[in-house]
Amino acid sequence: ILSIYIINFLNIKKTSNSYEILQKYKPSRNEIVSILRNKLPIIFVGV
């Protein structure tokens, strides 16, 4: 359990400095989970 939390903490602290702004129209739940891994600002339209 401790290892899981440490790994999650390190993942949260890993950020992106890119100024690329992603955009998605009417995303599915799986698409949102996947796109969040980029750790970039994301605009959602049609939600």
All heavy atoms as atom14 arrays in JSON, in Angstrom:
{
  "sequence": "ILSIYIINFLNIKKTSNSYEILQKYKPSRNEIVSILRNKLPIIFVGV",
  "atom14_mask": [
    [1, 1, 1, 1, 1, 1, 1, 1, 0, 0, 0, 0, 0, 0],
    [1, 1, 1, 1, 1, 1, 1, 1, 0, 0, 0, 0, 0, 0],
    [1, 1, 1, 1, 1, 1, 0, 0, 0, 0, 0, 0, 0, 0],
    [1, 1, 1, 1, 1, 1, 1, 1, 0, 0, 0, 0, 0, 0],
    [1, 1, 1, 1, 1, 1, 1, 1, 1, 1, 1, 1, 0, 0],
    [1, 1, 1, 1, 1, 1, 1, 1, 0, 0, 0, 0, 0, 0],
    [1, 1, 1, 1, 1, 1, 1, 1, 0, 0, 0, 0, 0, 0],
    [1, 1, 1, 1, 1, 1, 1, 1, 0, 0, 0, 0, 0, 0],
    [1, 1, 1, 1, 1, 1, 1, 1, 1, 1, 1, 0, 0, 0],
    [1, 1, 1, 1, 1, 1, 1, 1, 0, 0, 0, 0, 0, 0],
    [1, 1, 1, 1, 1, 1, 1, 1, 0, 0, 0, 0, 0, 0],
    [1, 1, 1, 1, 1, 1, 1, 1, 0, 0, 0, 0, 0, 0],
    [1, 1, 1, 1, 1, 1, 1, 1, 1, 0, 0, 0, 0, 0],
    [1, 1, 1, 1, 1, 1, 1, 1, 1, 0, 0, 0, 0, 0],
    [1, 1, 1, 1, 1, 1, 1, 0, 0, 0, 0, 0, 0, 0],
    [1, 1, 1, 1, 1, 1, 0, 0, 0, 0, 0, 0, 0, 0],
    [1, 1, 1, 1, 1, 1, 1, 1, 0, 0, 0, 0, 0, 0],
    [1, 1, 1, 1, 1, 1, 0, 0, 0, 0, 0, 0, 0, 0],
    [1, 1, 1, 1, 1, 1, 1, 1, 1, 1, 1, 1, 0, 0],
    [1, 1, 1, 1, 1, 1, 1, 1, 1, 0, 0, 0, 0, 0],
    [1, 1, 1, 1, 1, 1, 1, 1, 0, 0, 0, 0, 0, 0],
    [1, 1, 1, 1, 1, 1, 1, 1, 0, 0, 0, 0, 0, 0],
    [1, 1, 1, 1, 1, 1, 1, 1, 1, 0, 0, 0, 0, 0],
    [1, 1, 1, 1, 1, 1, 1, 1, 1, 0, 0, 0, 0, 0],
    [1, 1, 1, 1, 1, 1, 1, 1, 1, 1, 1, 1, 0, 0],
    [1, 1, 1, 1, 1, 1, 1, 1, 1, 0, 0, 0, 0, 0],
    [1, 1, 1, 1, 1, 1, 1, 0, 0, 0, 0, 0, 0, 0],
    [1, 1, 1, 1, 1, 1, 0, 0, 0, 0, 0, 0, 0, 0],
    [1, 1, 1, 1, 1, 1, 1, 1, 1, 1, 1, 0, 0, 0],
    [1, 1, 1, 1, 1, 1, 1, 1, 0, 0, 0, 0, 0, 0],
    [1, 1, 1, 1, 1, 1, 1, 1, 1, 0, 0, 0, 0, 0],
    [1, 1, 1, 1, 1, 1, 1, 1, 0, 0, 0, 0, 0, 0],
    [1, 1, 1, 1, 1, 1, 1, 0, 0, 0, 0, 0, 0, 0],
    [1, 1, 1, 1, 1, 1, 0, 0, 0, 0, 0, 0, 0, 0],
    [1, 1, 1, 1, 1, 1, 1, 1, 0, 0, 0, 0, 0, 0],
    [1, 1, 1, 1, 1, 1, 1, 1, 0, 0, 0, 0, 0, 0],
    [1, 1, 1, 1, 1, 1, 1, 1, 1, 1, 1, 0, 0, 0],
    [1, 1, 1, 1, 1, 1, 1, 1, 0, 0, 0, 0, 0, 0],
    [1, 1, 1, 1, 1, 1, 1, 1, 1, 0, 0, 0, 0, 0],
    [1, 1, 1, 1, 1, 1, 1, 1, 0, 0, 0, 0, 0, 0],
    [1, 1, 1, 1, 1, 1, 1, 0, 0, 0, 0, 0, 0, 0],
    [1, 1, 1, 1, 1, 1, 1, 1, 0, 0, 0, 0, 0, 0],
    [1, 1, 1, 1, 1, 1, 1, 1, 0, 0, 0, 0, 0, 0],
    [1, 1, 1, 1, 1, 1, 1, 1, 1, 1, 1, 0, 0, 0],
    [1, 1, 1, 1, 1, 1, 1, 0, 0, 0, 0, 0, 0, 0],
    [1, 1, 1, 1, 0, 0, 0, 0, 0, 0, 0, 0, 0, 0],
    [1, 1, 1, 1, 1, 1, 1, 0, 0, 0, 0, 0, 0, 0]
  ],
  "atom14_positions": [
    [[0.83, -1.21, 0.0], [0.0, 0.0, 0.0], [0.86, 1.25, 0.0], [0.61, 2.21, -0.75], [-0.95, -0.01, 1.23], [-1.96, -1.14, 1.1], [-1.66, 1.35, 1.35], [-2.84, -1.32, 2.32], [0.0, 0.0, 0.0], [0.0, 0.0, 0.0], [0.0, 0.0, 0.0], [0.0, 0.0, 0.0], [0.0, 0.0, 0.0], [0.0, 0.0, 0.0]],
    [[1.9, 1.26, 0.83], [2.81, 2.41, 0.89], [3.48, 2.64, -0.46], [3.61, 3.78, -0.92], [3.86, 2.19, 1.97], [4.91, 3.31, 2.14], [4.22, 4.63, 2.51], [5.95, 2.93, 3.19], [0.0, 0.0, 0.0], [0.0, 0.0, 0.0], [0.0, 0.0, 0.0], [0.0, 0.0, 0.0], [0.0, 0.0, 0.0], [0.0, 0.0, 0.0]],
    [[3.88, 1.56, -1.11], [4.53, 1.67, -2.43], [3.58, 2.27, -3.46], [3.98, 3.09, -4.29], [5.0, 0.28, -2.9], [5.96, -0.25, -2.02], [0.0, 0.0, 0.0], [0.0, 0.0, 0.0], [0.0, 0.0, 0.0], [0.0, 0.0, 0.0], [0.0, 0.0, 0.0], [0.0, 0.0, 0.0], [0.0, 0.0, 0.0], [0.0, 0.0, 0.0]],
    [[2.31, 1.87, -3.39], [1.31, 2.4, -4.32], [1.17, 3.91, -4.14], [1.13, 4.67, -5.11], [-0.04, 1.7, -4.11], [0.04, 0.25, -4.57], [-1.15, 2.44, -4.87], [-1.2, -0.57, -4.25], [0.0, 0.0, 0.0], [0.0, 0.0, 0.0], [0.0, 0.0, 0.0], [0.0, 0.0, 0.0], [0.0, 0.0, 0.0], [0.0, 0.0, 0.0]],
    [[1.13, 4.36, -2.88], [0.98, 5.8, -2.61], [2.22, 6.57, -3.01], [2.13, 7.7, -3.51], [0.63, 6.04, -1.14], [-0.83, 5.89, -0.85], [-1.33, 4.74, -0.24], [-1.74, 6.88, -1.2], [-2.69, 4.59, 0.01], [-3.09, 6.75, -0.95], [-3.56, 5.6, -0.35], [-4.91, 5.46, -0.11], [0.0, 0.0, 0.0], [0.0, 0.0, 0.0]],
    [[3.4, 5.98, -2.82], [4.64, 6.65, -3.21], [4.69, 6.82, -4.72], [5.02, 7.88, -5.24], [5.87, 5.87, -2.71], [5.98, 5.97, -1.19], [7.15, 6.4, -3.36], [7.08, 5.12, -0.6], [0.0, 0.0, 0.0], [0.0, 0.0, 0.0], [0.0, 0.0, 0.0], [0.0, 0.0, 0.0], [0.0, 0.0, 0.0], [0.0, 0.0, 0.0]],
    [[4.33, 5.75, -5.44], [4.32, 5.81, -6.9], [3.33, 6.85, -7.39], [3.61, 7.63, -8.3], [3.99, 4.42, -7.5], [5.14, 3.45, -7.23], [3.72, 4.52, -9.0], [4.81, 2.01, -7.57], [0.0, 0.0, 0.0], [0.0, 0.0, 0.0], [0.0, 0.0, 0.0], [0.0, 0.0, 0.0], [0.0, 0.0, 0.0], [0.0, 0.0, 0.0]],
    [[2.16, 6.89, -6.77], [1.14, 7.86, -7.14], [1.6, 9.28, -6.85], [1.37, 10.2, -7.65], [-0.16, 7.58, -6.39], [-1.32, 8.42, -6.89], [-1.64, 8.42, -8.06], [-1.95, 9.15, -5.98], [0.0, 0.0, 0.0], [0.0, 0.0, 0.0], [0.0, 0.0, 0.0], [0.0, 0.0, 0.0], [0.0, 0.0, 0.0], [0.0, 0.0, 0.0]],
    [[2.26, 9.48, -5.7], [2.79, 10.8, -5.34], [3.81, 11.28, -6.38], [3.76, 12.43, -6.83], [3.44, 10.75, -3.96], [4.15, 12.01, -3.56], [3.44, 13.11, -3.1], [5.53, 12.1, -3.65], [4.1, 14.28, -2.74], [6.19, 13.26, -3.29], [5.48, 14.35, -2.83], [0.0, 0.0, 0.0], [0.0, 0.0, 0.0], [0.0, 0.0, 0.0]],
    [[4.72, 10.41, -6.76], [5.73, 10.76, -7.75], [5.09, 11.07, -9.1], [5.54, 11.97, -9.81], [6.75, 9.63, -7.89], [7.62, 9.36, -6.65], [8.5, 8.13, -6.87], [8.46, 10.57, -6.3], [0.0, 0.0, 0.0], [0.0, 0.0, 0.0], [0.0, 0.0, 0.0], [0.0, 0.0, 0.0], [0.0, 0.0, 0.0], [0.0, 0.0, 0.0]],
    [[4.03, 10.35, -9.43], [3.33, 10.6, -10.69], [2.65, 11.96, -10.68], [2.66, 12.69, -11.67], [2.3, 9.5, -10.94], [1.55, 9.7, -12.24], [2.12, 9.73, -13.31], [0.24, 9.85, -12.12], [0.0, 0.0, 0.0], [0.0, 0.0, 0.0], [0.0, 0.0, 0.0], [0.0, 0.0, 0.0], [0.0, 0.0, 0.0], [0.0, 0.0, 0.0]],
    [[2.04, 12.33, -9.53], [1.39, 13.63, -9.42], [2.41, 14.76, -9.56], [2.16, 15.77, -10.22], [0.65, 13.74, -8.06], [-0.55, 12.79, -8.03], [0.17, 15.18, -7.82], [-1.21, 12.7, -6.67], [0.0, 0.0, 0.0], [0.0, 0.0, 0.0], [0.0, 0.0, 0.0], [0.0, 0.0, 0.0], [0.0, 0.0, 0.0], [0.0, 0.0, 0.0]],
    [[3.56, 14.58, -8.93], [4.58, 15.63, -8.93], [5.27, 15.76, -10.29], [5.94, 16.76, -10.55], [5.63, 15.35, -7.85], [5.08, 15.32, -6.42], [4.54, 16.67, -5.99], [5.65, 17.65, -5.66], [5.11, 18.93, -5.1], [0.0, 0.0, 0.0], [0.0, 0.0, 0.0], [0.0, 0.0, 0.0], [0.0, 0.0, 0.0], [0.0, 0.0, 0.0]],
    [[5.09, 14.79, -11.14], [5.66, 14.86, -12.49], [4.75, 15.72, -13.35], [3.62, 15.35, -13.67], [5.78, 13.46, -13.09], [6.44, 13.42, -14.46], [6.52, 11.99, -14.97], [7.16, 11.93, -16.35], [7.2, 10.53, -16.87], [0.0, 0.0, 0.0], [0.0, 0.0, 0.0], [0.0, 0.0, 0.0], [0.0, 0.0, 0.0], [0.0, 0.0, 0.0]],
    [[5.22, 16.9, -13.73], [4.4, 17.85, -14.48], [4.96, 18.07, -15.88], [6.07, 17.65, -16.2], [4.31, 19.2, -13.75], [5.64, 19.71, -13.54], [3.63, 19.03, -12.39], [0.0, 0.0, 0.0], [0.0, 0.0, 0.0], [0.0, 0.0, 0.0], [0.0, 0.0, 0.0], [0.0, 0.0, 0.0], [0.0, 0.0, 0.0], [0.0, 0.0, 0.0]],
    [[4.18, 18.75, -16.7], [4.61, 19.11, -18.05], [4.72, 20.62, -18.17], [3.9, 21.35, -17.61], [3.61, 18.58, -19.09], [3.94, 19.06, -20.39], [0.0, 0.0, 0.0], [0.0, 0.0, 0.0], [0.0, 0.0, 0.0], [0.0, 0.0, 0.0], [0.0, 0.0, 0.0], [0.0, 0.0, 0.0], [0.0, 0.0, 0.0], [0.0, 0.0, 0.0]],
    [[5.72, 21.1, -18.89], [5.91, 22.53, -19.09], [5.5, 22.99, -20.49], [5.67, 24.16, -20.83], [7.37, 22.91, -18.84], [7.75, 22.81, -17.37], [6.98, 23.21, -16.51], [8.92, 22.25, -17.09], [0.0, 0.0, 0.0], [0.0, 0.0, 0.0], [0.0, 0.0, 0.0], [0.0, 0.0, 0.0], [0.0, 0.0, 0.0], [0.0, 0.0, 0.0]],
    [[4.97, 22.09, -21.28], [4.56, 22.45, -22.64], [3.35, 23.35, -22.61], [2.44, 23.17, -21.79], [4.24, 21.18, -23.43], [3.66, 21.5, -24.68], [0.0, 0.0, 0.0], [0.0, 0.0, 0.0], [0.0, 0.0, 0.0], [0.0, 0.0, 0.0], [0.0, 0.0, 0.0], [0.0, 0.0, 0.0], [0.0, 0.0, 0.0], [0.0, 0.0, 0.0]],
    [[3.33, 24.34, -23.5], [2.18, 25.24, -23.59], [1.19, 24.78, -24.66], [0.36, 25.56, -25.13], [2.64, 26.66, -23.87], [3.07, 27.4, -22.62], [4.36, 27.88, -22.47], [2.18, 27.59, -21.56], [4.77, 28.55, -21.33], [2.57, 28.26, -20.41], [3.86, 28.73, -20.3], [4.24, 29.39, -19.16], [0.0, 0.0, 0.0], [0.0, 0.0, 0.0]],
    [[1.27, 23.53, -25.03], [0.28, 22.99, -25.96], [-1.06, 22.86, -25.24], [-1.14, 22.3, -24.15], [0.73, 21.61, -26.46], [-0.27, 20.96, -27.41], [0.15, 19.56, -27.82], [1.16, 19.05, -27.29], [-0.55, 18.97, -28.66], [0.0, 0.0, 0.0], [0.0, 0.0, 0.0], [0.0, 0.0, 0.0], [0.0, 0.0, 0.0], [0.0, 0.0, 0.0]],
    [[-2.1, 23.41, -25.82], [-3.44, 23.33, -25.25], [-4.24, 22.31, -26.05], [-4.5, 22.5, -27.24], [-4.17, 24.69, -25.27], [-3.31, 25.77, -24.61], [-5.53, 24.57, -24.59], [-3.06, 25.57, -23.15], [0.0, 0.0, 0.0], [0.0, 0.0, 0.0], [0.0, 0.0, 0.0], [0.0, 0.0, 0.0], [0.0, 0.0, 0.0], [0.0, 0.0, 0.0]],
    [[-4.61, 21.22, -25.4], [-5.36, 20.17, -26.07], [-6.86, 20.52, -26.07], [-7.32, 21.28, -25.22], [-5.14, 18.83, -25.37], [-3.67, 18.4, -25.21], [-3.6, 17.08, -24.44], [-2.99, 18.27, -26.56], [0.0, 0.0, 0.0], [0.0, 0.0, 0.0], [0.0, 0.0, 0.0], [0.0, 0.0, 0.0], [0.0, 0.0, 0.0], [0.0, 0.0, 0.0]],
    [[-7.59, 19.98, -27.03], [-9.03, 20.22, -27.08], [-9.73, 18.95, -27.54], [-9.25, 18.25, -28.43], [-9.37, 21.38, -28.02], [-10.86, 21.7, -28.06], [-11.14, 23.08, -28.67], [-10.53, 24.06, -28.3], [-12.1, 23.13, -29.58], [0.0, 0.0, 0.0], [0.0, 0.0, 0.0], [0.0, 0.0, 0.0], [0.0, 0.0, 0.0], [0.0, 0.0, 0.0]],
    [[-10.86, 18.67, -26.9], [-11.61, 17.47, -27.24], [-13.1, 17.78, -27.25], [-13.62, 18.4, -26.33], [-11.31, 16.37, -26.21], [-11.77, 14.99, -26.63], [-10.91, 14.45, -27.75], [-11.34, 13.04, -28.15], [-10.55, 12.52, -29.27], [0.0, 0.0, 0.0], [0.0, 0.0, 0.0], [0.0, 0.0, 0.0], [0.0, 0.0, 0.0], [0.0, 0.0, 0.0]],
    [[-13.79, 17.31, -28.3], [-15.24, 17.51, -28.42], [-15.98, 16.27, -27.96], [-15.71, 15.16, -28.43], [-15.6, 17.84, -29.87], [-17.08, 18.0, -30.12], [-17.76, 19.13, -29.68], [-17.8, 17.01, -30.78], [-19.13, 19.27, -29.9], [-19.16, 17.14, -31.01], [-19.82, 18.28, -30.56], [-21.17, 18.41, -30.78], [0.0, 0.0, 0.0], [0.0, 0.0, 0.0]],
    [[-16.89, 16.43, -27.02], [-17.7, 15.34, -26.49], [-16.88, 14.08, -26.22], [-17.12, 13.01, -26.81], [-18.86, 15.01, -27.44], [-19.97, 16.07, -27.45], [-21.16, 15.6, -28.25], [-22.3, 16.62, -28.24], [-22.85, 16.89, -26.92], [0.0, 0.0, 0.0], [0.0, 0.0, 0.0], [0.0, 0.0, 0.0], [0.0, 0.0, 0.0], [0.0, 0.0, 0.0]],
    [[-15.91, 14.17, -25.33], [-15.06, 13.01, -25.07], [-15.79, 11.93, -24.29], [-16.74, 12.2, -23.55], [-13.93, 13.61, -24.22], [-14.61, 14.72, -23.48], [-15.58, 15.32, -24.47], [0.0, 0.0, 0.0], [0.0, 0.0, 0.0], [0.0, 0.0, 0.0], [0.0, 0.0, 0.0], [0.0, 0.0, 0.0], [0.0, 0.0, 0.0], [0.0, 0.0, 0.0]],
    [[-15.35, 10.7, -24.46], [-15.85, 9.6, -23.64], [-15.05, 9.56, -22.34], [-14.03, 10.23, -22.2], [-15.69, 8.27, -24.38], [-14.3, 7.97, -24.53], [0.0, 0.0, 0.0], [0.0, 0.0, 0.0], [0.0, 0.0, 0.0], [0.0, 0.0, 0.0], [0.0, 0.0, 0.0], [0.0, 0.0, 0.0], [0.0, 0.0, 0.0], [0.0, 0.0, 0.0]],
    [[-15.51, 8.77, -21.39], [-14.8, 8.63, -20.12], [-13.39, 8.1, -20.35], [-12.41, 8.6, -19.78], [-15.58, 7.7, -19.21], [-14.89, 7.34, -17.9], [-14.96, 8.48, -16.9], [-14.32, 8.13, -15.65], [-14.87, 7.41, -14.68], [-16.09, 6.93, -14.84], [-14.22, 7.16, -13.58], [0.0, 0.0, 0.0], [0.0, 0.0, 0.0], [0.0, 0.0, 0.0]],
    [[-13.25, 7.11, -21.21], [-11.93, 6.54, -21.48], [-11.01, 7.54, -22.15], [-9.8, 7.57, -21.88], [-12.06, 5.28, -22.34], [-12.65, 4.1, -21.59], [-12.59, 4.06, -20.36], [-13.22, 3.16, -22.32], [0.0, 0.0, 0.0], [0.0, 0.0, 0.0], [0.0, 0.0, 0.0], [0.0, 0.0, 0.0], [0.0, 0.0, 0.0], [0.0, 0.0, 0.0]],
    [[-11.58, 8.36, -23.03], [-10.76, 9.37, -23.7], [-10.25, 10.41, -22.71], [-9.1, 10.86, -22.8], [-11.58, 10.06, -24.81], [-11.8, 9.19, -26.03], [-12.71, 9.85, -27.05], [-13.64, 10.56, -26.66], [-12.48, 9.64, -28.26], [0.0, 0.0, 0.0], [0.0, 0.0, 0.0], [0.0, 0.0, 0.0], [0.0, 0.0, 0.0], [0.0, 0.0, 0.0]],
    [[-11.09, 10.78, -21.74], [-10.66, 11.75, -20.73], [-9.55, 11.18, -19.88], [-8.52, 11.83, -19.65], [-11.86, 12.17, -19.85], [-12.85, 13.0, -20.67], [-11.38, 12.98, -18.64], [-14.1, 13.38, -19.91], [0.0, 0.0, 0.0], [0.0, 0.0, 0.0], [0.0, 0.0, 0.0], [0.0, 0.0, 0.0], [0.0, 0.0, 0.0], [0.0, 0.0, 0.0]],
    [[-9.72, 9.95, -19.41], [-8.69, 9.3, -18.58], [-7.38, 9.23, -19.34], [-6.3, 9.48, -18.78], [-9.15, 7.88, -18.17], [-8.0, 7.12, -17.51], [-10.33, 7.96, -17.23], [0.0, 0.0, 0.0], [0.0, 0.0, 0.0], [0.0, 0.0, 0.0], [0.0, 0.0, 0.0], [0.0, 0.0, 0.0], [0.0, 0.0, 0.0], [0.0, 0.0, 0.0]],
    [[-7.44, 8.93, -20.62], [-6.24, 8.8, -21.44], [-5.56, 10.16, -21.67], [-4.34, 10.29, -21.52], [-6.6, 8.17, -22.79], [-5.46, 8.11, -23.63], [0.0, 0.0, 0.0], [0.0, 0.0, 0.0], [0.0, 0.0, 0.0], [0.0, 0.0, 0.0], [0.0, 0.0, 0.0], [0.0, 0.0, 0.0], [0.0, 0.0, 0.0], [0.0, 0.0, 0.0]],
    [[-6.35, 11.17, -22.0], [-5.78, 12.47, -22.35], [-5.21, 13.19, -21.13], [-4.27, 13.99, -21.24], [-6.83, 13.33, -23.08], [-6.15, 14.44, -23.89], [-7.83, 13.94, -22.12], [-7.09, 15.18, -24.81], [0.0, 0.0, 0.0], [0.0, 0.0, 0.0], [0.0, 0.0, 0.0], [0.0, 0.0, 0.0], [0.0, 0.0, 0.0], [0.0, 0.0, 0.0]],
    [[-5.74, 12.89, -19.94], [-5.23, 13.53, -18.72], [-3.79, 13.1, -18.43], [-3.07, 13.81, -17.73], [-6.12, 13.18, -17.53], [-7.5, 13.84, -17.47], [-8.23, 13.41, -16.2], [-7.39, 15.35, -17.53], [0.0, 0.0, 0.0], [0.0, 0.0, 0.0], [0.0, 0.0, 0.0], [0.0, 0.0, 0.0], [0.0, 0.0, 0.0], [0.0, 0.0, 0.0]],
    [[-3.4, 11.97, -18.95], [-2.03, 11.49, -18.73], [-0.99, 12.42, -19.34], [0.18, 12.37, -18.96], [-1.87, 10.08, -19.3], [-2.74, 9.03, -18.62], [-2.3, 7.64, -19.0], [-3.18, 6.63, -18.4], [-4.1, 5.94, -19.08], [-4.26, 6.15, -20.38], [-4.86, 5.05, -18.47], [0.0, 0.0, 0.0], [0.0, 0.0, 0.0], [0.0, 0.0, 0.0]],
    [[-1.41, 13.28, -20.26], [-0.47, 14.24, -20.86], [-0.08, 15.35, -19.9], [0.88, 16.06, -20.14], [-1.09, 14.85, -22.12], [-1.27, 13.85, -23.24], [-0.3, 13.43, -23.86], [-2.5, 13.45, -23.49], [0.0, 0.0, 0.0], [0.0, 0.0, 0.0], [0.0, 0.0, 0.0], [0.0, 0.0, 0.0], [0.0, 0.0, 0.0], [0.0, 0.0, 0.0]],
    [[-0.88, 15.53, -18.83], [-0.62, 16.56, -17.81], [-0.55, 17.96, -18.43], [0.27, 18.8, -18.06], [0.67, 16.24, -17.05], [0.57, 14.93, -16.27], [1.84, 14.67, -15.48], [1.71, 13.39, -14.67], [0.73, 13.5, -13.59], [0.0, 0.0, 0.0], [0.0, 0.0, 0.0], [0.0, 0.0, 0.0], [0.0, 0.0, 0.0], [0.0, 0.0, 0.0]],
    [[-1.42, 18.19, -19.41], [-1.51, 19.47, -20.1], [-2.89, 20.07, -19.9], [-3.86, 19.35, -19.62], [-1.25, 19.28, -21.6], [0.14, 18.85, -22.02], [0.16, 18.48, -23.5], [1.15, 19.96, -21.75], [0.0, 0.0, 0.0], [0.0, 0.0, 0.0], [0.0, 0.0, 0.0], [0.0, 0.0, 0.0], [0.0, 0.0, 0.0], [0.0, 0.0, 0.0]],
    [[-3.03, 21.39, -20.07], [-4.37, 21.99, -20.05], [-5.21, 21.42, -21.19], [-4.72, 21.25, -22.31], [-4.09, 23.48, -20.27], [-2.66, 23.67, -19.86], [-1.97, 22.4, -20.25], [0.0, 0.0, 0.0], [0.0, 0.0, 0.0], [0.0, 0.0, 0.0], [0.0, 0.0, 0.0], [0.0, 0.0, 0.0], [0.0, 0.0, 0.0], [0.0, 0.0, 0.0]],
    [[-6.46, 21.09, -20.9], [-7.33, 20.49, -21.9], [-8.67, 21.22, -21.91], [-9.28, 21.41, -20.85], [-7.59, 19.0, -21.59], [-6.28, 18.26, -21.34], [-8.35, 18.33, -22.74], [-6.46, 16.94, -20.63], [0.0, 0.0, 0.0], [0.0, 0.0, 0.0], [0.0, 0.0, 0.0], [0.0, 0.0, 0.0], [0.0, 0.0, 0.0], [0.0, 0.0, 0.0]],
    [[-9.11, 21.59, -23.09], [-10.43, 22.22, -23.24], [-11.41, 21.16, -23.72], [-11.15, 20.44, -24.69], [-10.38, 23.38, -24.24], [-9.45, 24.5, -23.73], [-11.78, 23.94, -24.49], [-9.22, 25.6, -24.73], [0.0, 0.0, 0.0], [0.0, 0.0, 0.0], [0.0, 0.0, 0.0], [0.0, 0.0, 0.0], [0.0, 0.0, 0.0], [0.0, 0.0, 0.0]],
    [[-12.53, 21.06, -23.01], [-13.59, 20.13, -23.4], [-14.79, 20.93, -23.91], [-15.25, 21.85, -23.25], [-14.01, 19.26, -22.23], [-12.91, 18.34, -21.74], [-12.32, 18.54, -20.51], [-12.47, 17.29, -22.53], [-11.31, 17.71, -20.06], [-11.46, 16.45, -22.09], [-10.87, 16.66, -20.85], [0.0, 0.0, 0.0], [0.0, 0.0, 0.0], [0.0, 0.0, 0.0]],
    [[-15.27, 20.54, -25.08], [-16.39, 21.21, -25.73], [-17.52, 20.19, -25.92], [-17.28, 19.01, -26.16], [-15.97, 21.8, -27.09], [-17.13, 22.55, -27.73], [-14.75, 22.7, -26.94], [0.0, 0.0, 0.0], [0.0, 0.0, 0.0], [0.0, 0.0, 0.0], [0.0, 0.0, 0.0], [0.0, 0.0, 0.0], [0.0, 0.0, 0.0], [0.0, 0.0, 0.0]],
    [[-18.77, 20.66, -25.81], [-19.9, 19.79, -26.06], [-20.29, 18.92, -24.88], [-21.08, 17.99, -25.04], [0.0, 0.0, 0.0], [0.0, 0.0, 0.0], [0.0, 0.0, 0.0], [0.0, 0.0, 0.0], [0.0, 0.0, 0.0], [0.0, 0.0, 0.0], [0.0, 0.0, 0.0], [0.0, 0.0, 0.0], [0.0, 0.0, 0.0], [0.0, 0.0, 0.0]],
    [[-19.74, 19.22, -23.7], [-20.05, 18.43, -22.5], [-21.18, 19.07, -21.7], [-22.19, 18.44, -21.39], [-18.79, 18.25, -21.62], [-19.16, 17.56, -20.31], [-17.72, 17.48, -22.36], [0.0, 0.0, 0.0], [0.0, 0.0, 0.0], [0.0, 0.0, 0.0], [0.0, 0.0, 0.0], [0.0, 0.0, 0.0], [0.0, 0.0, 0.0], [0.0, 0.0, 0.0]]
  ]
}
